[in-house]
Amino acid sequence: LADFYCLEVLKEDHKYSESGIYHQIPT
C-alpha cells in the first residue's frame, strides 16, 4: 500500500512497475 499511496504517484510520468506498462496517465 505504501507503494501505491505515496507522493510519487502524483507525478504524471510515475511508473508502477519496472517495465513501465502500468503507469500514471495525465489528469
mmCIF file of all heavy atoms, coordinates in Angstrom:
data_MODEL
# 
_entry.id   MODEL 
# 
loop_
_atom_site.group_PDB 
_atom_site.id 
_atom_site.type_symbol 
_atom_site.label_atom_id 
_atom_site.label_alt_id 
_atom_site.label_comp_id 
_atom_site.label_asym_id 
_atom_site.label_entity_id 
_atom_site.label_seq_id 
_atom_site.pdbx_PDB_ins_code 
_atom_site.Cartn_x 
_atom_site.Cartn_y 
_atom_site.Cartn_z 
_atom_site.occupancy 
_atom_site.B_iso_or_equiv 
_atom_site.pdbx_formal_charge 
_atom_site.auth_seq_id 
_atom_site.auth_comp_id 
_atom_site.auth_asym_id 
_atom_site.auth_atom_id 
_atom_site.pdbx_PDB_model_num 
ATOM 1   N N   . LEU A 1 1  ? 0.836  -1.209 0.000   1.00 0.00 ? 1  LEU A N   1 
ATOM 2   C CA  . LEU A 1 1  ? 0.000  0.000  0.000   1.00 0.00 ? 1  LEU A CA  1 
ATOM 3   C C   . LEU A 1 1  ? 0.866  1.253  0.000   1.00 0.00 ? 1  LEU A C   1 
ATOM 4   O O   . LEU A 1 1  ? 0.536  2.254  -0.646  1.00 0.00 ? 1  LEU A O   1 
ATOM 5   C CB  . LEU A 1 1  ? -0.930 -0.021 1.226   1.00 0.00 ? 1  LEU A CB  1 
ATOM 6   C CG  . LEU A 1 1  ? -1.927 1.133  1.335   1.00 0.00 ? 1  LEU A CG  1 
ATOM 7   C CD1 . LEU A 1 1  ? -2.820 1.197  0.108   1.00 0.00 ? 1  LEU A CD1 1 
ATOM 8   C CD2 . LEU A 1 1  ? -2.793 1.010  2.577   1.00 0.00 ? 1  LEU A CD2 1 
ATOM 9   N N   . ALA A 1 2  ? 2.016  1.185  0.702   1.00 0.00 ? 2  ALA A N   1 
ATOM 10  C CA  . ALA A 1 2  ? 2.910  2.357  0.753   1.00 0.00 ? 2  ALA A CA  1 
ATOM 11  C C   . ALA A 1 2  ? 3.446  2.705  -0.642  1.00 0.00 ? 2  ALA A C   1 
ATOM 12  O O   . ALA A 1 2  ? 3.765  3.854  -0.919  1.00 0.00 ? 2  ALA A O   1 
ATOM 13  C CB  . ALA A 1 2  ? 4.061  2.077  1.711   1.00 0.00 ? 2  ALA A CB  1 
ATOM 14  N N   . ASP A 1 3  ? 3.533  1.704  -1.528  1.00 0.00 ? 3  ASP A N   1 
ATOM 15  C CA  . ASP A 1 3  ? 3.981  1.988  -2.901  1.00 0.00 ? 3  ASP A CA  1 
ATOM 16  C C   . ASP A 1 3  ? 2.890  2.659  -3.728  1.00 0.00 ? 3  ASP A C   1 
ATOM 17  O O   . ASP A 1 3  ? 3.174  3.335  -4.717  1.00 0.00 ? 3  ASP A O   1 
ATOM 18  C CB  . ASP A 1 3  ? 4.374  0.680  -3.621  1.00 0.00 ? 3  ASP A CB  1 
ATOM 19  C CG  . ASP A 1 3  ? 5.662  0.113  -3.056  1.00 0.00 ? 3  ASP A CG  1 
ATOM 20  O OD1 . ASP A 1 3  ? 6.392  0.872  -2.396  1.00 0.00 ? 3  ASP A OD1 1 
ATOM 21  O OD2 . ASP A 1 3  ? 5.922  -1.090 -3.257  1.00 0.00 ? 3  ASP A OD2 1 
ATOM 22  N N   . PHE A 1 4  ? 1.634  2.439  -3.357  1.00 0.00 ? 4  PHE A N   1 
ATOM 23  C CA  . PHE A 1 4  ? 0.533  2.990  -4.154  1.00 0.00 ? 4  PHE A CA  1 
ATOM 24  C C   . PHE A 1 4  ? -0.016 4.293  -3.570  1.00 0.00 ? 4  PHE A C   1 
ATOM 25  O O   . PHE A 1 4  ? -0.541 5.123  -4.293  1.00 0.00 ? 4  PHE A O   1 
ATOM 26  C CB  . PHE A 1 4  ? -0.596 1.956  -4.277  1.00 0.00 ? 4  PHE A CB  1 
ATOM 27  C CG  . PHE A 1 4  ? -0.249 0.823  -5.198  1.00 0.00 ? 4  PHE A CG  1 
ATOM 28  C CD1 . PHE A 1 4  ? 0.277  -0.359 -4.718  1.00 0.00 ? 4  PHE A CD1 1 
ATOM 29  C CD2 . PHE A 1 4  ? -0.416 0.944  -6.573  1.00 0.00 ? 4  PHE A CD2 1 
ATOM 30  C CE1 . PHE A 1 4  ? 0.608  -1.399 -5.568  1.00 0.00 ? 4  PHE A CE1 1 
ATOM 31  C CE2 . PHE A 1 4  ? -0.087 -0.079 -7.432  1.00 0.00 ? 4  PHE A CE2 1 
ATOM 32  C CZ  . PHE A 1 4  ? 0.429  -1.258 -6.938  1.00 0.00 ? 4  PHE A CZ  1 
ATOM 33  N N   . TYR A 1 5  ? 0.059  4.437  -2.252  1.00 0.00 ? 5  TYR A N   1 
ATOM 34  C CA  . TYR A 1 5  ? -0.384 5.674  -1.594  1.00 0.00 ? 5  TYR A CA  1 
ATOM 35  C C   . TYR A 1 5  ? 0.859  6.461  -1.186  1.00 0.00 ? 5  TYR A C   1 
ATOM 36  O O   . TYR A 1 5  ? 1.280  6.408  -0.034  1.00 0.00 ? 5  TYR A O   1 
ATOM 37  C CB  . TYR A 1 5  ? -1.205 5.338  -0.344  1.00 0.00 ? 5  TYR A CB  1 
ATOM 38  C CG  . TYR A 1 5  ? -2.708 5.364  -0.553  1.00 0.00 ? 5  TYR A CG  1 
ATOM 39  C CD1 . TYR A 1 5  ? -3.570 4.896  0.434   1.00 0.00 ? 5  TYR A CD1 1 
ATOM 40  C CD2 . TYR A 1 5  ? -3.279 5.882  -1.712  1.00 0.00 ? 5  TYR A CD2 1 
ATOM 41  C CE1 . TYR A 1 5  ? -4.956 4.912  0.267   1.00 0.00 ? 5  TYR A CE1 1 
ATOM 42  C CE2 . TYR A 1 5  ? -4.648 5.901  -1.883  1.00 0.00 ? 5  TYR A CE2 1 
ATOM 43  C CZ  . TYR A 1 5  ? -5.484 5.418  -0.898  1.00 0.00 ? 5  TYR A CZ  1 
ATOM 44  O OH  . TYR A 1 5  ? -6.848 5.445  -1.074  1.00 0.00 ? 5  TYR A OH  1 
ATOM 45  N N   . CYS A 1 6  ? 1.491  7.141  -2.120  1.00 0.00 ? 6  CYS A N   1 
ATOM 46  C CA  . CYS A 1 6  ? 2.658  7.958  -1.758  1.00 0.00 ? 6  CYS A CA  1 
ATOM 47  C C   . CYS A 1 6  ? 2.675  9.184  -2.675  1.00 0.00 ? 6  CYS A C   1 
ATOM 48  O O   . CYS A 1 6  ? 1.934  9.253  -3.659  1.00 0.00 ? 6  CYS A O   1 
ATOM 49  C CB  . CYS A 1 6  ? 3.956  7.155  -1.907  1.00 0.00 ? 6  CYS A CB  1 
ATOM 50  S SG  . CYS A 1 6  ? 4.205  6.534  -3.565  1.00 0.00 ? 6  CYS A SG  1 
ATOM 51  N N   . LEU A 1 7  ? 3.528  10.170 -2.345  1.00 0.00 ? 7  LEU A N   1 
ATOM 52  C CA  . LEU A 1 7  ? 3.528  11.421 -3.124  1.00 0.00 ? 7  LEU A CA  1 
ATOM 53  C C   . LEU A 1 7  ? 4.042  11.207 -4.546  1.00 0.00 ? 7  LEU A C   1 
ATOM 54  O O   . LEU A 1 7  ? 3.701  11.944 -5.453  1.00 0.00 ? 7  LEU A O   1 
ATOM 55  C CB  . LEU A 1 7  ? 4.374  12.476 -2.400  1.00 0.00 ? 7  LEU A CB  1 
ATOM 56  C CG  . LEU A 1 7  ? 3.765  12.961 -1.073  1.00 0.00 ? 7  LEU A CG  1 
ATOM 57  C CD1 . LEU A 1 7  ? 4.717  13.885 -0.339  1.00 0.00 ? 7  LEU A CD1 1 
ATOM 58  C CD2 . LEU A 1 7  ? 2.428  13.669 -1.305  1.00 0.00 ? 7  LEU A CD2 1 
ATOM 59  N N   . GLU A 1 8  ? 4.886  10.160 -4.743  1.00 0.00 ? 8  GLU A N   1 
ATOM 60  C CA  . GLU A 1 8  ? 5.444  9.923  -6.096  1.00 0.00 ? 8  GLU A CA  1 
ATOM 61  C C   . GLU A 1 8  ? 4.347  9.659  -7.128  1.00 0.00 ? 8  GLU A C   1 
ATOM 62  O O   . GLU A 1 8  ? 4.496  9.989  -8.290  1.00 0.00 ? 8  GLU A O   1 
ATOM 63  C CB  . GLU A 1 8  ? 6.407  8.728  -6.085  1.00 0.00 ? 8  GLU A CB  1 
ATOM 64  C CG  . GLU A 1 8  ? 7.787  9.013  -5.527  1.00 0.00 ? 8  GLU A CG  1 
ATOM 65  C CD  . GLU A 1 8  ? 7.780  9.059  -4.011  1.00 0.00 ? 8  GLU A CD  1 
ATOM 66  O OE1 . GLU A 1 8  ? 7.307  8.086  -3.391  1.00 0.00 ? 8  GLU A OE1 1 
ATOM 67  O OE2 . GLU A 1 8  ? 8.226  10.086 -3.454  1.00 0.00 ? 8  GLU A OE2 1 
ATOM 68  N N   . VAL A 1 9  ? 3.238  9.021  -6.691  1.00 0.00 ? 9  VAL A N   1 
ATOM 69  C CA  . VAL A 1 9  ? 2.211  8.649  -7.685  1.00 0.00 ? 9  VAL A CA  1 
ATOM 70  C C   . VAL A 1 9  ? 1.488  9.873  -8.240  1.00 0.00 ? 9  VAL A C   1 
ATOM 71  O O   . VAL A 1 9  ? 0.729  9.772  -9.204  1.00 0.00 ? 9  VAL A O   1 
ATOM 72  C CB  . VAL A 1 9  ? 1.163  7.656  -7.113  1.00 0.00 ? 9  VAL A CB  1 
ATOM 73  C CG1 . VAL A 1 9  ? 1.819  6.403  -6.598  1.00 0.00 ? 9  VAL A CG1 1 
ATOM 74  C CG2 . VAL A 1 9  ? 0.310  8.291  -6.047  1.00 0.00 ? 9  VAL A CG2 1 
ATOM 75  N N   . LEU A 1 10 ? 1.725  11.029 -7.639  1.00 0.00 ? 10 LEU A N   1 
ATOM 76  C CA  . LEU A 1 10 ? 1.065  12.241 -8.147  1.00 0.00 ? 10 LEU A CA  1 
ATOM 77  C C   . LEU A 1 10 ? 1.791  12.807 -9.368  1.00 0.00 ? 10 LEU A C   1 
ATOM 78  O O   . LEU A 1 10 ? 1.305  13.734 -10.009 1.00 0.00 ? 10 LEU A O   1 
ATOM 79  C CB  . LEU A 1 10 ? 0.981  13.311 -7.050  1.00 0.00 ? 10 LEU A CB  1 
ATOM 80  C CG  . LEU A 1 10 ? 0.216  12.869 -5.787  1.00 0.00 ? 10 LEU A CG  1 
ATOM 81  C CD1 . LEU A 1 10 ? 0.246  13.957 -4.732  1.00 0.00 ? 10 LEU A CD1 1 
ATOM 82  C CD2 . LEU A 1 10 ? -1.225 12.519 -6.128  1.00 0.00 ? 10 LEU A CD2 1 
ATOM 83  N N   . LYS A 1 11 ? 2.984  12.247 -9.684  1.00 0.00 ? 11 LYS A N   1 
ATOM 84  C CA  . LYS A 1 11 ? 3.707  12.729 -10.875 1.00 0.00 ? 11 LYS A CA  1 
ATOM 85  C C   . LYS A 1 11 ? 3.065  12.119 -12.118 1.00 0.00 ? 11 LYS A C   1 
ATOM 86  O O   . LYS A 1 11 ? 2.677  10.958 -12.113 1.00 0.00 ? 11 LYS A O   1 
ATOM 87  C CB  . LYS A 1 11 ? 5.189  12.319 -10.799 1.00 0.00 ? 11 LYS A CB  1 
ATOM 88  C CG  . LYS A 1 11 ? 5.940  12.972 -9.656  1.00 0.00 ? 11 LYS A CG  1 
ATOM 89  C CD  . LYS A 1 11 ? 7.343  12.399 -9.568  1.00 0.00 ? 11 LYS A CD  1 
ATOM 90  C CE  . LYS A 1 11 ? 8.058  12.944 -8.322  1.00 0.00 ? 11 LYS A CE  1 
ATOM 91  N NZ  . LYS A 1 11 ? 9.197  12.102 -7.943  1.00 0.00 ? 11 LYS A NZ  1 
ATOM 92  N N   . GLU A 1 12 ? 3.001  12.938 -13.189 1.00 0.00 ? 12 GLU A N   1 
ATOM 93  C CA  . GLU A 1 12 ? 2.336  12.472 -14.415 1.00 0.00 ? 12 GLU A CA  1 
ATOM 94  C C   . GLU A 1 12 ? 3.022  11.252 -15.024 1.00 0.00 ? 12 GLU A C   1 
ATOM 95  O O   . GLU A 1 12 ? 2.394  10.455 -15.706 1.00 0.00 ? 12 GLU A O   1 
ATOM 96  C CB  . GLU A 1 12 ? 2.324  13.602 -15.463 1.00 0.00 ? 12 GLU A CB  1 
ATOM 97  C CG  . GLU A 1 12 ? 1.572  14.853 -15.017 1.00 0.00 ? 12 GLU A CG  1 
ATOM 98  C CD  . GLU A 1 12 ? 0.066  14.726 -15.211 1.00 0.00 ? 12 GLU A CD  1 
ATOM 99  O OE1 . GLU A 1 12 ? -0.336 14.069 -16.175 1.00 0.00 ? 12 GLU A OE1 1 
ATOM 100 O OE2 . GLU A 1 12 ? -0.696 15.272 -14.400 1.00 0.00 ? 12 GLU A OE2 1 
ATOM 101 N N   . ASP A 1 13 ? 4.353  11.129 -14.829 1.00 0.00 ? 13 ASP A N   1 
ATOM 102 C CA  . ASP A 1 13 ? 5.066  10.039 -15.518 1.00 0.00 ? 13 ASP A CA  1 
ATOM 103 C C   . ASP A 1 13 ? 5.419  8.900  -14.557 1.00 0.00 ? 13 ASP A C   1 
ATOM 104 O O   . ASP A 1 13 ? 6.325  8.118  -14.824 1.00 0.00 ? 13 ASP A O   1 
ATOM 105 C CB  . ASP A 1 13 ? 6.345  10.578 -16.176 1.00 0.00 ? 13 ASP A CB  1 
ATOM 106 C CG  . ASP A 1 13 ? 7.258  11.257 -15.158 1.00 0.00 ? 13 ASP A CG  1 
ATOM 107 O OD1 . ASP A 1 13 ? 6.794  11.474 -14.010 1.00 0.00 ? 13 ASP A OD1 1 
ATOM 108 O OD2 . ASP A 1 13 ? 8.419  11.573 -15.495 1.00 0.00 ? 13 ASP A OD2 1 
ATOM 109 N N   . HIS A 1 14 ? 4.713  8.805  -13.425 1.00 0.00 ? 14 HIS A N   1 
ATOM 110 C CA  . HIS A 1 14 ? 5.062  7.768  -12.440 1.00 0.00 ? 14 HIS A CA  1 
ATOM 111 C C   . HIS A 1 14 ? 4.794  6.381  -12.999 1.00 0.00 ? 14 HIS A C   1 
ATOM 112 O O   . HIS A 1 14 ? 3.743  6.112  -13.583 1.00 0.00 ? 14 HIS A O   1 
ATOM 113 C CB  . HIS A 1 14 ? 4.247  7.962  -11.157 1.00 0.00 ? 14 HIS A CB  1 
ATOM 114 C CG  . HIS A 1 14 ? 4.509  6.902  -10.134 1.00 0.00 ? 14 HIS A CG  1 
ATOM 115 N ND1 . HIS A 1 14 ? 5.672  6.834  -9.420  1.00 0.00 ? 14 HIS A ND1 1 
ATOM 116 C CD2 . HIS A 1 14 ? 3.757  5.834  -9.729  1.00 0.00 ? 14 HIS A CD2 1 
ATOM 117 C CE1 . HIS A 1 14 ? 5.643  5.782  -8.607  1.00 0.00 ? 14 HIS A CE1 1 
ATOM 118 N NE2 . HIS A 1 14 ? 4.482  5.164  -8.788  1.00 0.00 ? 14 HIS A NE2 1 
ATOM 119 N N   . LYS A 1 15 ? 5.759  5.452  -12.793 1.00 0.00 ? 15 LYS A N   1 
ATOM 120 C CA  . LYS A 1 15 ? 5.599  4.073  -13.261 1.00 0.00 ? 15 LYS A CA  1 
ATOM 121 C C   . LYS A 1 15 ? 5.420  3.153  -12.049 1.00 0.00 ? 15 LYS A C   1 
ATOM 122 O O   . LYS A 1 15 ? 6.173  3.239  -11.092 1.00 0.00 ? 15 LYS A O   1 
ATOM 123 C CB  . LYS A 1 15 ? 6.830  3.641  -14.071 1.00 0.00 ? 15 LYS A CB  1 
ATOM 124 C CG  . LYS A 1 15 ? 6.987  4.392  -15.385 1.00 0.00 ? 15 LYS A CG  1 
ATOM 125 C CD  . LYS A 1 15 ? 8.209  3.899  -16.154 1.00 0.00 ? 15 LYS A CD  1 
ATOM 126 C CE  . LYS A 1 15 ? 8.307  4.501  -17.536 1.00 0.00 ? 15 LYS A CE  1 
ATOM 127 N NZ  . LYS A 1 15 ? 8.413  5.956  -17.550 1.00 0.00 ? 15 LYS A NZ  1 
ATOM 128 N N   . TYR A 1 16 ? 4.442  2.270  -12.129 1.00 0.00 ? 16 TYR A N   1 
ATOM 129 C CA  . TYR A 1 16 ? 4.172  1.348  -11.014 1.00 0.00 ? 16 TYR A CA  1 
ATOM 130 C C   . TYR A 1 16 ? 5.013  0.084  -11.106 1.00 0.00 ? 16 TYR A C   1 
ATOM 131 O O   . TYR A 1 16 ? 5.088  -0.677 -10.159 1.00 0.00 ? 16 TYR A O   1 
ATOM 132 C CB  . TYR A 1 16 ? 2.696  0.957  -10.998 1.00 0.00 ? 16 TYR A CB  1 
ATOM 133 C CG  . TYR A 1 16 ? 1.786  2.090  -10.604 1.00 0.00 ? 16 TYR A CG  1 
ATOM 134 C CD1 . TYR A 1 16 ? 1.054  2.789  -11.564 1.00 0.00 ? 16 TYR A CD1 1 
ATOM 135 C CD2 . TYR A 1 16 ? 1.662  2.481  -9.276  1.00 0.00 ? 16 TYR A CD2 1 
ATOM 136 C CE1 . TYR A 1 16 ? 0.213  3.827  -11.208 1.00 0.00 ? 16 TYR A CE1 1 
ATOM 137 C CE2 . TYR A 1 16 ? 0.831  3.519  -8.902  1.00 0.00 ? 16 TYR A CE2 1 
ATOM 138 C CZ  . TYR A 1 16 ? 0.116  4.193  -9.876  1.00 0.00 ? 16 TYR A CZ  1 
ATOM 139 O OH  . TYR A 1 16 ? -0.708 5.227  -9.503  1.00 0.00 ? 16 TYR A OH  1 
ATOM 140 N N   . SER A 1 17 ? 5.583  -0.196 -12.287 1.00 0.00 ? 17 SER A N   1 
ATOM 141 C CA  . SER A 1 17 ? 6.407  -1.403 -12.418 1.00 0.00 ? 17 SER A CA  1 
ATOM 142 C C   . SER A 1 17 ? 7.637  -1.051 -13.245 1.00 0.00 ? 17 SER A C   1 
ATOM 143 O O   . SER A 1 17 ? 7.645  -0.052 -13.960 1.00 0.00 ? 17 SER A O   1 
ATOM 144 C CB  . SER A 1 17 ? 5.608  -2.515 -13.110 1.00 0.00 ? 17 SER A CB  1 
ATOM 145 O OG  . SER A 1 17 ? 5.241  -2.106 -14.407 1.00 0.00 ? 17 SER A OG  1 
ATOM 146 N N   . GLU A 1 18 ? 8.663  -1.874 -13.149 1.00 0.00 ? 18 GLU A N   1 
ATOM 147 C CA  . GLU A 1 18 ? 9.932  -1.555 -13.808 1.00 0.00 ? 18 GLU A CA  1 
ATOM 148 C C   . GLU A 1 18 ? 9.776  -1.386 -15.313 1.00 0.00 ? 18 GLU A C   1 
ATOM 149 O O   . GLU A 1 18 ? 10.379 -0.524 -15.922 1.00 0.00 ? 18 GLU A O   1 
ATOM 150 C CB  . GLU A 1 18 ? 10.960 -2.669 -13.517 1.00 0.00 ? 18 GLU A CB  1 
ATOM 151 C CG  . GLU A 1 18 ? 11.567 -2.549 -12.130 1.00 0.00 ? 18 GLU A CG  1 
ATOM 152 C CD  . GLU A 1 18 ? 12.530 -3.688 -11.845 1.00 0.00 ? 18 GLU A CD  1 
ATOM 153 O OE1 . GLU A 1 18 ? 13.093 -4.238 -12.817 1.00 0.00 ? 18 GLU A OE1 1 
ATOM 154 O OE2 . GLU A 1 18 ? 12.698 -4.030 -10.665 1.00 0.00 ? 18 GLU A OE2 1 
ATOM 155 N N   . SER A 1 19 ? 8.948  -2.237 -15.920 1.00 0.00 ? 19 SER A N   1 
ATOM 156 C CA  . SER A 1 19 ? 8.814  -2.171 -17.379 1.00 0.00 ? 19 SER A CA  1 
ATOM 157 C C   . SER A 1 19 ? 8.039  -0.919 -17.807 1.00 0.00 ? 19 SER A C   1 
ATOM 158 O O   . SER A 1 19 ? 8.093  -0.520 -18.969 1.00 0.00 ? 19 SER A O   1 
ATOM 159 C CB  . SER A 1 19 ? 8.078  -3.408 -17.885 1.00 0.00 ? 19 SER A CB  1 
ATOM 160 O OG  . SER A 1 19 ? 6.765  -3.406 -17.344 1.00 0.00 ? 19 SER A OG  1 
ATOM 161 N N   . GLY A 1 20 ? 7.291  -0.318 -16.854 1.00 0.00 ? 20 GLY A N   1 
ATOM 162 C CA  . GLY A 1 20 ? 6.543  0.894  -17.197 1.00 0.00 ? 20 GLY A CA  1 
ATOM 163 C C   . GLY A 1 20 ? 5.227  0.616  -17.907 1.00 0.00 ? 20 GLY A C   1 
ATOM 164 O O   . GLY A 1 20 ? 4.592  1.529  -18.437 1.00 0.00 ? 20 GLY A O   1 
ATOM 165 N N   . ILE A 1 21 ? 4.795  -0.676 -17.943 1.00 0.00 ? 21 ILE A N   1 
ATOM 166 C CA  . ILE A 1 21 ? 3.496  -0.969 -18.588 1.00 0.00 ? 21 ILE A CA  1 
ATOM 167 C C   . ILE A 1 21 ? 2.369  -0.313 -17.781 1.00 0.00 ? 21 ILE A C   1 
ATOM 168 O O   . ILE A 1 21 ? 1.441  0.265  -18.328 1.00 0.00 ? 21 ILE A O   1 
ATOM 169 C CB  . ILE A 1 21 ? 3.258  -2.507 -18.639 1.00 0.00 ? 21 ILE A CB  1 
ATOM 170 C CG1 . ILE A 1 21 ? 4.322  -3.174 -19.503 1.00 0.00 ? 21 ILE A CG1 1 
ATOM 171 C CG2 . ILE A 1 21 ? 1.868  -2.827 -19.182 1.00 0.00 ? 21 ILE A CG2 1 
ATOM 172 C CD1 . ILE A 1 21 ? 4.315  -4.694 -19.441 1.00 0.00 ? 21 ILE A CD1 1 
ATOM 173 N N   . TYR A 1 22 ? 2.479  -0.410 -16.457 1.00 0.00 ? 22 TYR A N   1 
ATOM 174 C CA  . TYR A 1 22 ? 1.466  0.209  -15.587 1.00 0.00 ? 22 TYR A CA  1 
ATOM 175 C C   . TYR A 1 22 ? 2.012  1.564  -15.140 1.00 0.00 ? 22 TYR A C   1 
ATOM 176 O O   . TYR A 1 22 ? 3.024  1.635  -14.466 1.00 0.00 ? 22 TYR A O   1 
ATOM 177 C CB  . TYR A 1 22 ? 1.200  -0.689 -14.370 1.00 0.00 ? 22 TYR A CB  1 
ATOM 178 C CG  . TYR A 1 22 ? 0.724  -2.064 -14.762 1.00 0.00 ? 22 TYR A CG  1 
ATOM 179 C CD1 . TYR A 1 22 ? 1.624  -3.110 -14.951 1.00 0.00 ? 22 TYR A CD1 1 
ATOM 180 C CD2 . TYR A 1 22 ? -0.624 -2.316 -14.975 1.00 0.00 ? 22 TYR A CD2 1 
ATOM 181 C CE1 . TYR A 1 22 ? 1.190  -4.369 -15.340 1.00 0.00 ? 22 TYR A CE1 1 
ATOM 182 C CE2 . TYR A 1 22 ? -1.073 -3.570 -15.366 1.00 0.00 ? 22 TYR A CE2 1 
ATOM 183 C CZ  . TYR A 1 22 ? -0.154 -4.589 -15.544 1.00 0.00 ? 22 TYR A CZ  1 
ATOM 184 O OH  . TYR A 1 22 ? -0.589 -5.826 -15.943 1.00 0.00 ? 22 TYR A OH  1 
ATOM 185 N N   . HIS A 1 23 ? 1.351  2.625  -15.546 1.00 0.00 ? 23 HIS A N   1 
ATOM 186 C CA  . HIS A 1 23 ? 1.874  3.970  -15.228 1.00 0.00 ? 23 HIS A CA  1 
ATOM 187 C C   . HIS A 1 23 ? 0.718  4.942  -15.044 1.00 0.00 ? 23 HIS A C   1 
ATOM 188 O O   . HIS A 1 23 ? -0.428 4.640  -15.385 1.00 0.00 ? 23 HIS A O   1 
ATOM 189 C CB  . HIS A 1 23 ? 2.803  4.448  -16.363 1.00 0.00 ? 23 HIS A CB  1 
ATOM 190 C CG  . HIS A 1 23 ? 2.129  4.476  -17.713 1.00 0.00 ? 23 HIS A CG  1 
ATOM 191 N ND1 . HIS A 1 23 ? 1.307  5.496  -18.118 1.00 0.00 ? 23 HIS A ND1 1 
ATOM 192 C CD2 . HIS A 1 23 ? 2.142  3.578  -18.736 1.00 0.00 ? 23 HIS A CD2 1 
ATOM 193 C CE1 . HIS A 1 23 ? 0.839  5.248  -19.326 1.00 0.00 ? 23 HIS A CE1 1 
ATOM 194 N NE2 . HIS A 1 23 ? 1.315  4.077  -19.733 1.00 0.00 ? 23 HIS A NE2 1 
ATOM 195 N N   . GLN A 1 24 ? 1.031  6.129  -14.505 1.00 0.00 ? 24 GLN A N   1 
ATOM 196 C CA  . GLN A 1 24 ? 0.014  7.167  -14.353 1.00 0.00 ? 24 GLN A CA  1 
ATOM 197 C C   . GLN A 1 24 ? -0.323 7.738  -15.720 1.00 0.00 ? 24 GLN A C   1 
ATOM 198 O O   . GLN A 1 24 ? 0.513  7.758  -16.618 1.00 0.00 ? 24 GLN A O   1 
ATOM 199 C CB  . GLN A 1 24 ? 0.555  8.299  -13.469 1.00 0.00 ? 24 GLN A CB  1 
ATOM 200 C CG  . GLN A 1 24 ? 0.328  8.119  -12.000 1.00 0.00 ? 24 GLN A CG  1 
ATOM 201 C CD  . GLN A 1 24 ? -1.143 8.086  -11.604 1.00 0.00 ? 24 GLN A CD  1 
ATOM 202 O OE1 . GLN A 1 24 ? -2.050 8.172  -12.427 1.00 0.00 ? 24 GLN A OE1 1 
ATOM 203 N NE2 . GLN A 1 24 ? -1.384 7.915  -10.311 1.00 0.00 ? 24 GLN A NE2 1 
ATOM 204 N N   . ILE A 1 25 ? -1.554 8.235  -15.887 1.00 0.00 ? 25 ILE A N   1 
ATOM 205 C CA  . ILE A 1 25 ? -1.862 8.942  -17.135 1.00 0.00 ? 25 ILE A CA  1 
ATOM 206 C C   . ILE A 1 25 ? -2.284 10.368 -16.771 1.00 0.00 ? 25 ILE A C   1 
ATOM 207 O O   . ILE A 1 25 ? -2.688 10.627 -15.638 1.00 0.00 ? 25 ILE A O   1 
ATOM 208 C CB  . ILE A 1 25 ? -2.938 8.210  -17.968 1.00 0.00 ? 25 ILE A CB  1 
ATOM 209 C CG1 . ILE A 1 25 ? -4.307 8.216  -17.291 1.00 0.00 ? 25 ILE A CG1 1 
ATOM 210 C CG2 . ILE A 1 25 ? -2.548 6.775  -18.246 1.00 0.00 ? 25 ILE A CG2 1 
ATOM 211 C CD1 . ILE A 1 25 ? -5.401 7.669  -18.200 1.00 0.00 ? 25 ILE A CD1 1 
ATOM 212 N N   . PRO A 1 26 ? -2.175 11.311 -17.713 1.00 0.00 ? 26 PRO A N   1 
ATOM 213 C CA  . PRO A 1 26 ? -2.404 12.729 -17.370 1.00 0.00 ? 26 PRO A CA  1 
ATOM 214 C C   . PRO A 1 26 ? -3.784 12.963 -16.761 1.00 0.00 ? 26 PRO A C   1 
ATOM 215 O O   . PRO A 1 26 ? -4.758 12.304 -17.137 1.00 0.00 ? 26 PRO A O   1 
ATOM 216 C CB  . PRO A 1 26 ? -2.284 13.437 -18.728 1.00 0.00 ? 26 PRO A CB  1 
ATOM 217 C CG  . PRO A 1 26 ? -1.494 12.515 -19.591 1.00 0.00 ? 26 PRO A CG  1 
ATOM 218 C CD  . PRO A 1 26 ? -1.771 11.135 -19.111 1.00 0.00 ? 26 PRO A CD  1 
ATOM 219 N N   . THR A 1 27 ? -3.843 13.921 -15.824 1.00 0.00 ? 27 THR A N   1 
ATOM 220 C CA  . THR A 1 27 ? -5.122 14.172 -15.141 1.00 0.00 ? 27 THR A CA  1 
ATOM 221 C C   . THR A 1 27 ? -6.125 14.844 -16.067 1.00 0.00 ? 27 THR A C   1 
ATOM 222 O O   . THR A 1 27 ? -7.301 14.954 -15.729 1.00 0.00 ? 27 THR A O   1 
ATOM 223 C CB  . THR A 1 27 ? -4.917 15.098 -13.923 1.00 0.00 ? 27 THR A CB  1 
ATOM 224 O OG1 . THR A 1 27 ? -4.111 16.193 -14.332 1.00 0.00 ? 27 THR A OG1 1 
ATOM 225 C CG2 . THR A 1 27 ? -4.260 14.356 -12.801 1.00 0.00 ? 27 THR A CG2 1 
# 
